[in-house]
Every structure is written in structure tokens, then in C-alpha cells.
């Protein structure tokens, strides 16, 4: 069983699993639920000579893709943090960019996840040393297929 302070990631179609904490020194500080909350707009037409909107009455609503932000941290001096961050982003952006992602903390995961961006970095001191913290934004392109721990 994986530690709650990590993300488990693997390239779509691969069995090679990466643990952000073990493989990159990247720790999860806060995590969102990986659930879709917004549905796509239904088809409609606005006729000039009629009141209201002519809306297609679909039998099912379909979820939109969605973004999630994880607050992450790397412990160490500036050079160590930069090197670990670069290795982490390199893994996410090369040799296939779609991933299966599972977060033990929220006990949820999704497939079709891709890295989008990172926020500014902050260096913070704690009783455990110096941490570089940042937010990493991921897009979930498949909002319905769940991934269990792998």
C-alpha cells in the first residue's frame, strides 16, 4: 500500500509505475477529490421568431474534462529542489504525456491525465527543514473512467 503523501503515476498503456515521493522526492501537501462536477452544455438553437431557447432534450448528461491542482513539496536546498522538480516534469512531459494517476490520500484515480502547469515556487522553513512548495495543475480528459491503486 502506498503512502498517503504520494501520487502514483504511470504512462497510459504501460505497467511501469512511478511513485512521486520515492522516485522524485515530490510529496503531496494537499489533494483534490478526483471527481467530475460540471456537465457539458446541451445542444440548442436560438430562433429569432420564438421565445426562449430550443434545447435538445438528451437522455443523459455528459461530464466535461476538468483540471485539478495538487499542492506539492520537495525538501532540500534550492539546487536539490530544482533538480528533483526538473526530473519530475521531464517524466510527465516526455515519452507519452497521458497518464493514469492515483492519489492514496483521496483514494481515487483517473486515466487520461496530463500535466498542464505549475505555480510559482515558494521556499518555506518548517521544523522538518526547508521545503520548496508549488501547485501542479493536471487535466483529466476522461472524467468517468476511474483508476484503482496500481
C-alpha atoms as a PDB file:
ATOM      1  CA  UNK A   1       0.000   0.000   0.000  1.00  0.00           C
ATOM      2  CA  UNK A   2       1.321   3.411  -0.986  1.00  0.00           C
ATOM      3  CA  UNK A   3       1.959   6.280   1.406  1.00  0.00           C
ATOM      4  CA  UNK A   4      -0.804   8.918   1.560  1.00  0.00           C
ATOM      5  CA  UNK A   5       1.750  11.654   0.797  1.00  0.00           C
ATOM      6  CA  UNK A   6       2.425  10.488  -2.751  1.00  0.00           C
ATOM      7  CA  UNK A   7       0.880  10.223  -6.197  1.00  0.00           C
ATOM      8  CA  UNK A   8       1.125   7.020  -8.174  1.00  0.00           C
ATOM      9  CA  UNK A   9       1.591   7.695 -11.881  1.00  0.00           C
ATOM     10  CA  UNK A  10       2.101   5.504 -14.931  1.00  0.00           C
ATOM     11  CA  UNK A  11       2.077   6.187 -18.644  1.00  0.00           C
ATOM     12  CA  UNK A  12      -1.151   5.089 -20.335  1.00  0.00           C
ATOM     13  CA  UNK A  13      -0.540   1.627 -21.804  1.00  0.00           C
ATOM     14  CA  UNK A  14       2.493   0.927 -19.599  1.00  0.00           C
ATOM     15  CA  UNK A  15       2.936  -1.161 -16.479  1.00  0.00           C
ATOM     16  CA  UNK A  16       5.843   0.990 -15.212  1.00  0.00           C
ATOM     17  CA  UNK A  17       4.544   2.761 -12.101  1.00  0.00           C
ATOM     18  CA  UNK A  18       6.181   5.824 -10.582  1.00  0.00           C
ATOM     19  CA  UNK A  19       5.744   6.979  -7.008  1.00  0.00           C
ATOM     20  CA  UNK A  20       6.268  10.744  -6.767  1.00  0.00           C
ATOM     21  CA  UNK A  21       7.708  10.526  -3.264  1.00  0.00           C
ATOM     22  CA  UNK A  22      10.077   7.596  -3.829  1.00  0.00           C
ATOM     23  CA  UNK A  23      11.111   8.317  -7.432  1.00  0.00           C
ATOM     24  CA  UNK A  24      11.221  12.130  -7.460  1.00  0.00           C
ATOM     25  CA  UNK A  25      11.167  13.310  -3.826  1.00  0.00           C
ATOM     26  CA  UNK A  26       7.845  15.079  -4.503  1.00  0.00           C
ATOM     27  CA  UNK A  27       5.388  15.000  -1.589  1.00  0.00           C
ATOM     28  CA  UNK A  28       1.637  15.731  -1.742  1.00  0.00           C
ATOM     29  CA  UNK A  29       0.727  18.500   0.720  1.00  0.00           C
ATOM     30  CA  UNK A  30      -2.937  18.831  -0.282  1.00  0.00           C
ATOM     31  CA  UNK A  31      -5.050  16.959  -2.800  1.00  0.00           C
ATOM     32  CA  UNK A  32      -8.418  17.481  -4.503  1.00  0.00           C
ATOM     33  CA  UNK A  33     -11.089  14.861  -4.978  1.00  0.00           C
ATOM     34  CA  UNK A  34     -10.767  13.475  -8.491  1.00  0.00           C
ATOM     35  CA  UNK A  35     -14.452  13.695  -9.349  1.00  0.00           C
ATOM     36  CA  UNK A  36     -16.105  15.493 -12.262  1.00  0.00           C
ATOM     37  CA  UNK A  37     -18.554  18.206 -11.249  1.00  0.00           C
ATOM     38  CA  UNK A  38     -19.525  20.003 -14.448  1.00  0.00           C
ATOM     39  CA  UNK A  39     -21.552  18.653 -17.364  1.00  0.00           C
ATOM     40  CA  UNK A  40     -21.322  19.683 -20.997  1.00  0.00           C
ATOM     41  CA  UNK A  41     -23.803  22.168 -22.396  1.00  0.00           C
ATOM     42  CA  UNK A  42     -26.656  20.563 -24.307  1.00  0.00           C
ATOM     43  CA  UNK A  43     -27.228  21.362 -27.948  1.00  0.00           C
ATOM     44  CA  UNK A  44     -29.561  24.278 -28.528  1.00  0.00           C
ATOM     45  CA  UNK A  45     -30.723  26.811 -31.073  1.00  0.00           C
ATOM     46  CA  UNK A  46     -31.996  30.314 -30.525  1.00  0.00           C
ATOM     47  CA  UNK A  47     -34.721  31.135 -33.046  1.00  0.00           C
ATOM     48  CA  UNK A  48     -35.254  34.845 -33.650  1.00  0.00           C
ATOM     49  CA  UNK A  49     -39.012  34.429 -34.060  1.00  0.00           C
ATOM     50  CA  UNK A  50     -39.578  32.245 -30.937  1.00  0.00           C
ATOM     51  CA  UNK A  51     -39.391  32.865 -27.189  1.00  0.00           C
ATOM     52  CA  UNK A  52     -36.742  31.167 -25.132  1.00  0.00           C
ATOM     53  CA  UNK A  53     -34.259  28.605 -26.358  1.00  0.00           C
ATOM     54  CA  UNK A  54     -34.865  25.417 -28.358  1.00  0.00           C
ATOM     55  CA  UNK A  55     -32.897  22.891 -26.266  1.00  0.00           C
ATOM     56  CA  UNK A  56     -32.098  19.313 -27.265  1.00  0.00           C
ATOM     57  CA  UNK A  57     -33.638  17.040 -24.640  1.00  0.00           C
ATOM     58  CA  UNK A  58     -30.854  14.482 -24.193  1.00  0.00           C
ATOM     59  CA  UNK A  59     -31.440  11.348 -22.133  1.00  0.00           C
ATOM     60  CA  UNK A  60     -28.033  11.660 -20.435  1.00  0.00           C
ATOM     61  CA  UNK A  61     -25.731  14.474 -19.392  1.00  0.00           C
ATOM     62  CA  UNK A  62     -22.043  14.082 -20.212  1.00  0.00           C
ATOM     63  CA  UNK A  63     -19.239  15.357 -17.992  1.00  0.00           C
ATOM     64  CA  UNK A  64     -16.659  17.887 -19.141  1.00  0.00           C
ATOM     65  CA  UNK A  65     -12.947  17.304 -18.760  1.00  0.00           C
ATOM     66  CA  UNK A  66     -11.642  19.050 -15.657  1.00  0.00           C
ATOM     67  CA  UNK A  67      -8.493  20.425 -14.073  1.00  0.00           C
ATOM     68  CA  UNK A  68      -7.157  19.506 -10.644  1.00  0.00           C
ATOM     69  CA  UNK A  69      -4.472  21.256  -8.601  1.00  0.00           C
ATOM     70  CA  UNK A  70      -2.218  19.369  -6.214  1.00  0.00           C
ATOM     71  CA  UNK A  71      -0.154  21.280  -3.649  1.00  0.00           C
ATOM     72  CA  UNK A  72       3.253  19.579  -3.774  1.00  0.00           C
ATOM     73  CA  UNK A  73       6.534  19.964  -1.929  1.00  0.00           C
ATOM     74  CA  UNK A  74      10.175  18.992  -2.282  1.00  0.00           C
ATOM     75  CA  UNK A  75      12.527  19.033   0.702  1.00  0.00           C
ATOM     76  CA  UNK A  76      16.095  20.288   0.412  1.00  0.00           C
ATOM     77  CA  UNK A  77      18.283  23.161  -0.687  1.00  0.00           C
ATOM     78  CA  UNK A  78      17.454  25.173  -3.817  1.00  0.00           C
ATOM     79  CA  UNK A  79      19.647  23.136  -6.206  1.00  0.00           C
ATOM     80  CA  UNK A  80      18.290  19.807  -4.952  1.00  0.00           C
ATOM     81  CA  UNK A  81      14.708  21.057  -5.275  1.00  0.00           C
ATOM     82  CA  UNK A  82      15.285  22.356  -8.803  1.00  0.00           C
ATOM     83  CA  UNK A  83      16.855  19.061  -9.925  1.00  0.00           C
ATOM     84  CA  UNK A  84      14.052  16.949  -8.441  1.00  0.00           C
ATOM     85  CA  UNK A  85      11.399  19.215  -9.956  1.00  0.00           C
ATOM     86  CA  UNK A  86      13.022  19.034 -13.407  1.00  0.00           C
ATOM     87  CA  UNK A  87      13.182  15.219 -13.244  1.00  0.00           C
ATOM     88  CA  UNK A  88       9.509  15.091 -12.212  1.00  0.00           C
ATOM     89  CA  UNK A  89       8.333  17.389 -15.046  1.00  0.00           C
ATOM     90  CA  UNK A  90      10.560  15.591 -17.545  1.00  0.00           C
ATOM     91  CA  UNK A  91       8.832  12.306 -16.703  1.00  0.00           C
ATOM     92  CA  UNK A  92       5.397  13.921 -17.086  1.00  0.00           C
ATOM     93  CA  UNK A  93       6.150  15.594 -20.425  1.00  0.00           C
ATOM     94  CA  UNK A  94       8.206  13.065 -22.418  1.00  0.00           C
ATOM     95  CA  UNK A  95       7.674   9.584 -23.878  1.00  0.00           C
ATOM     96  CA  UNK A  96       3.895   9.926 -23.750  1.00  0.00           C
ATOM     97  CA  UNK A  97       2.024  12.638 -21.929  1.00  0.00           C
ATOM     98  CA  UNK A  98      -1.166  10.820 -20.890  1.00  0.00           C
ATOM     99  CA  UNK A  99      -1.040   9.100 -17.534  1.00  0.00           C
ATOM    100  CA  UNK A 100      -3.004   7.029 -15.099  1.00  0.00           C
ATOM    101  CA  UNK A 101      -2.899   8.857 -11.776  1.00  0.00           C
ATOM    102  CA  UNK A 102      -3.914   7.543  -8.356  1.00  0.00           C
ATOM    103  CA  UNK A 103      -3.877   9.516  -5.096  1.00  0.00           C
ATOM    104  CA  UNK A 104      -3.893   7.267  -1.990  1.00  0.00           C
ATOM    105  CA  UNK A 105      -4.875  10.232   0.195  1.00  0.00           C
ATOM    106  CA  UNK A 106      -8.258  10.676  -1.518  1.00  0.00           C
ATOM    107  CA  UNK A 107      -8.408   7.008  -2.574  1.00  0.00           C
ATOM    108  CA  UNK A 108      -9.182   7.938  -6.153  1.00  0.00           C
ATOM    109  CA  UNK A 109      -7.625   7.996  -9.558  1.00  0.00           C
ATOM    110  CA  UNK A 110      -8.278   8.742 -13.222  1.00  0.00           C
ATOM    111  CA  UNK A 111      -6.917   7.822 -16.609  1.00  0.00           C
ATOM    112  CA  UNK A 112      -6.148  10.234 -19.430  1.00  0.00           C
ATOM    113  CA  UNK A 113      -4.447  12.681 -17.072  1.00  0.00           C
ATOM    114  CA  UNK A 114      -1.842  15.121 -18.390  1.00  0.00           C
ATOM    115  CA  UNK A 115       0.367  17.671 -16.710  1.00  0.00           C
ATOM    116  CA  UNK A 116      -0.582  21.274 -17.610  1.00  0.00           C
ATOM    117  CA  UNK A 117       1.430  23.681 -15.481  1.00  0.00           C
ATOM    118  CA  UNK A 118       2.997  24.619 -12.180  1.00  0.00           C
ATOM    119  CA  UNK A 119       2.598  27.674  -9.998  1.00  0.00           C
ATOM    120  CA  UNK A 120       5.353  29.872  -8.653  1.00  0.00           C
ATOM    121  CA  UNK A 121       7.663  28.191  -6.180  1.00  0.00           C
ATOM    122  CA  UNK A 122       7.842  29.150  -2.537  1.00  0.00           C
ATOM    123  CA  UNK A 123      10.615  28.207  -0.171  1.00  0.00           C
ATOM    124  CA  UNK A 124       9.361  27.631   3.355  1.00  0.00           C
ATOM    125  CA  UNK A 125      11.031  26.666   6.608  1.00  0.00           C
ATOM    126  CA  UNK A 126       9.478  24.146   8.942  1.00  0.00           C
ATOM    127  CA  UNK A 127      10.646  22.038  11.856  1.00  0.00           C
ATOM    128  CA  UNK A 128      11.487  19.400   9.224  1.00  0.00           C
ATOM    129  CA  UNK A 129      13.795  21.667   7.197  1.00  0.00           C
ATOM    130  CA  UNK A 130      13.461  23.758   4.050  1.00  0.00           C
ATOM    131  CA  UNK A 131      10.696  22.934   1.561  1.00  0.00           C
ATOM    132  CA  UNK A 132      10.011  24.185  -1.938  1.00  0.00           C
ATOM    133  CA  UNK A 133       6.233  24.180  -2.388  1.00  0.00           C
ATOM    134  CA  UNK A 134       4.235  24.621  -5.579  1.00  0.00           C
ATOM    135  CA  UNK A 135       0.936  23.702  -7.189  1.00  0.00           C
ATOM    136  CA  UNK A 136       0.850  21.327 -10.135  1.00  0.00           C
ATOM    137  CA  UNK A 137      -2.162  21.518 -12.432  1.00  0.00           C
ATOM    138  CA  UNK A 138      -3.328  18.384 -14.245  1.00  0.00           C
ATOM    139  CA  UNK A 139      -6.107  17.993 -16.805  1.00  0.00           C
ATOM    140  CA  UNK A 140      -8.374  14.945 -16.613  1.00  0.00           C
ATOM    141  CA  UNK A 141      -9.522  14.309 -20.185  1.00  0.00           C
ATOM    142  CA  UNK A 142     -11.504  11.163 -19.288  1.00  0.00           C
ATOM    143  CA  UNK A 143     -13.779  12.282 -16.448  1.00  0.00           C
ATOM    144  CA  UNK A 144     -15.593   8.966 -15.973  1.00  0.00           C
ATOM    145  CA  UNK A 145     -13.015   6.150 -16.047  1.00  0.00           C
ATOM    146  CA  UNK A 146     -11.756   5.543 -12.529  1.00  0.00           C
ATOM    147  CA  UNK A 147      -8.353   4.029 -11.746  1.00  0.00           C
ATOM    148  CA  UNK A 148      -7.826   1.992  -8.612  1.00  0.00           C
ATOM    149  CA  UNK A 149      -4.458   1.720  -6.909  1.00  0.00           C
ATOM    150  CA  UNK A 150      -1.949   0.035  -9.186  1.00  0.00           C
END
